[in-house]
Amino acid sequence: MFMEARLLDERREGIAEGEANANIATAKRMLAKGCYSLEVIAELTNLSLADVEKLKEES
């Protein structure tokens, strides 16, 4: 039972990490287009405004 719970937790963590990476990639594309405010990008990607600002600085 413990092993099954651990595997489920690992699977959930992997899914969450994949979603986070997809949101970051989407935010980067939106920043590249320059058509959206940082606030809108944060709202649509479920990233924090600070994270979006950091992505903008990195690009």
Protein backbone atom coordinates (compact mmCIF):
# COMPACT_ATOMS: atom_id res chain seq x y z
CA MET A 1 0.00 0.00 0.00
CA PHE A 2 2.81 2.40 0.89
CA MET A 3 4.50 1.75 -2.45
CA GLU A 4 1.29 2.53 -4.37
CA ALA A 5 0.84 5.81 -2.49
CA ARG A 6 4.44 6.74 -3.21
CA LEU A 7 4.03 5.99 -6.91
CA LEU A 8 0.87 8.10 -7.05
CA ASP A 9 2.67 10.99 -5.35
CA GLU A 10 5.55 10.74 -7.83
CA ARG A 11 3.12 10.68 -10.74
CA ARG A 12 1.30 13.76 -9.42
CA GLU A 13 4.60 15.58 -8.95
CA GLY A 14 5.60 14.73 -12.52
CA ILE A 15 2.30 15.99 -13.89
CA ALA A 16 2.58 19.22 -11.87
CA GLU A 17 6.13 19.75 -13.10
CA GLY A 18 5.04 19.17 -16.70
CA GLU A 19 2.21 21.67 -16.35
CA ALA A 20 4.57 24.24 -14.84
CA ASN A 21 7.01 23.79 -17.72
CA ALA A 22 4.18 24.17 -20.23
CA ASN A 23 3.00 27.36 -18.52
CA ILE A 24 6.53 28.78 -18.60
CA ALA A 25 6.86 27.95 -22.30
CA THR A 26 3.51 29.61 -23.00
CA ALA A 27 4.54 32.71 -21.06
CA LYS A 28 7.78 32.92 -23.03
CA ARG A 29 5.88 32.77 -26.32
CA MET A 30 3.46 35.45 -25.11
CA LEU A 31 6.36 37.68 -24.05
CA ALA A 32 8.00 37.20 -27.45
CA LYS A 33 4.83 38.37 -29.19
CA GLY A 34 4.72 41.48 -27.02
CA CYS A 35 0.94 41.69 -27.30
CA TYR A 36 0.11 41.04 -23.66
CA SER A 37 0.75 42.84 -20.40
CA LEU A 38 2.73 41.04 -17.74
CA GLU A 39 -0.38 40.90 -15.58
CA VAL A 40 -2.41 39.20 -18.32
CA ILE A 41 0.37 36.69 -18.97
CA ALA A 42 0.51 35.86 -15.27
CA GLU A 43 -3.26 35.43 -15.14
CA LEU A 44 -3.50 33.23 -18.22
CA THR A 45 -0.53 31.01 -17.37
CA ASN A 46 -1.15 30.72 -13.62
CA LEU A 47 2.35 32.01 -12.96
CA SER A 48 3.11 34.69 -10.43
CA LEU A 49 3.75 38.20 -11.68
CA ALA A 50 7.26 37.94 -10.23
CA ASP A 51 7.90 34.78 -12.27
CA VAL A 52 6.70 36.48 -15.47
CA GLU A 53 8.87 39.52 -14.76
CA LYS A 54 11.86 37.21 -14.25
CA LEU A 55 11.16 35.46 -17.56
CA LYS A 56 11.02 38.84 -19.29
CA GLU A 57 14.38 39.84 -17.83
CA GLU A 58 15.92 36.55 -18.98
CA SER A 59 14.81 36.97 -22.57
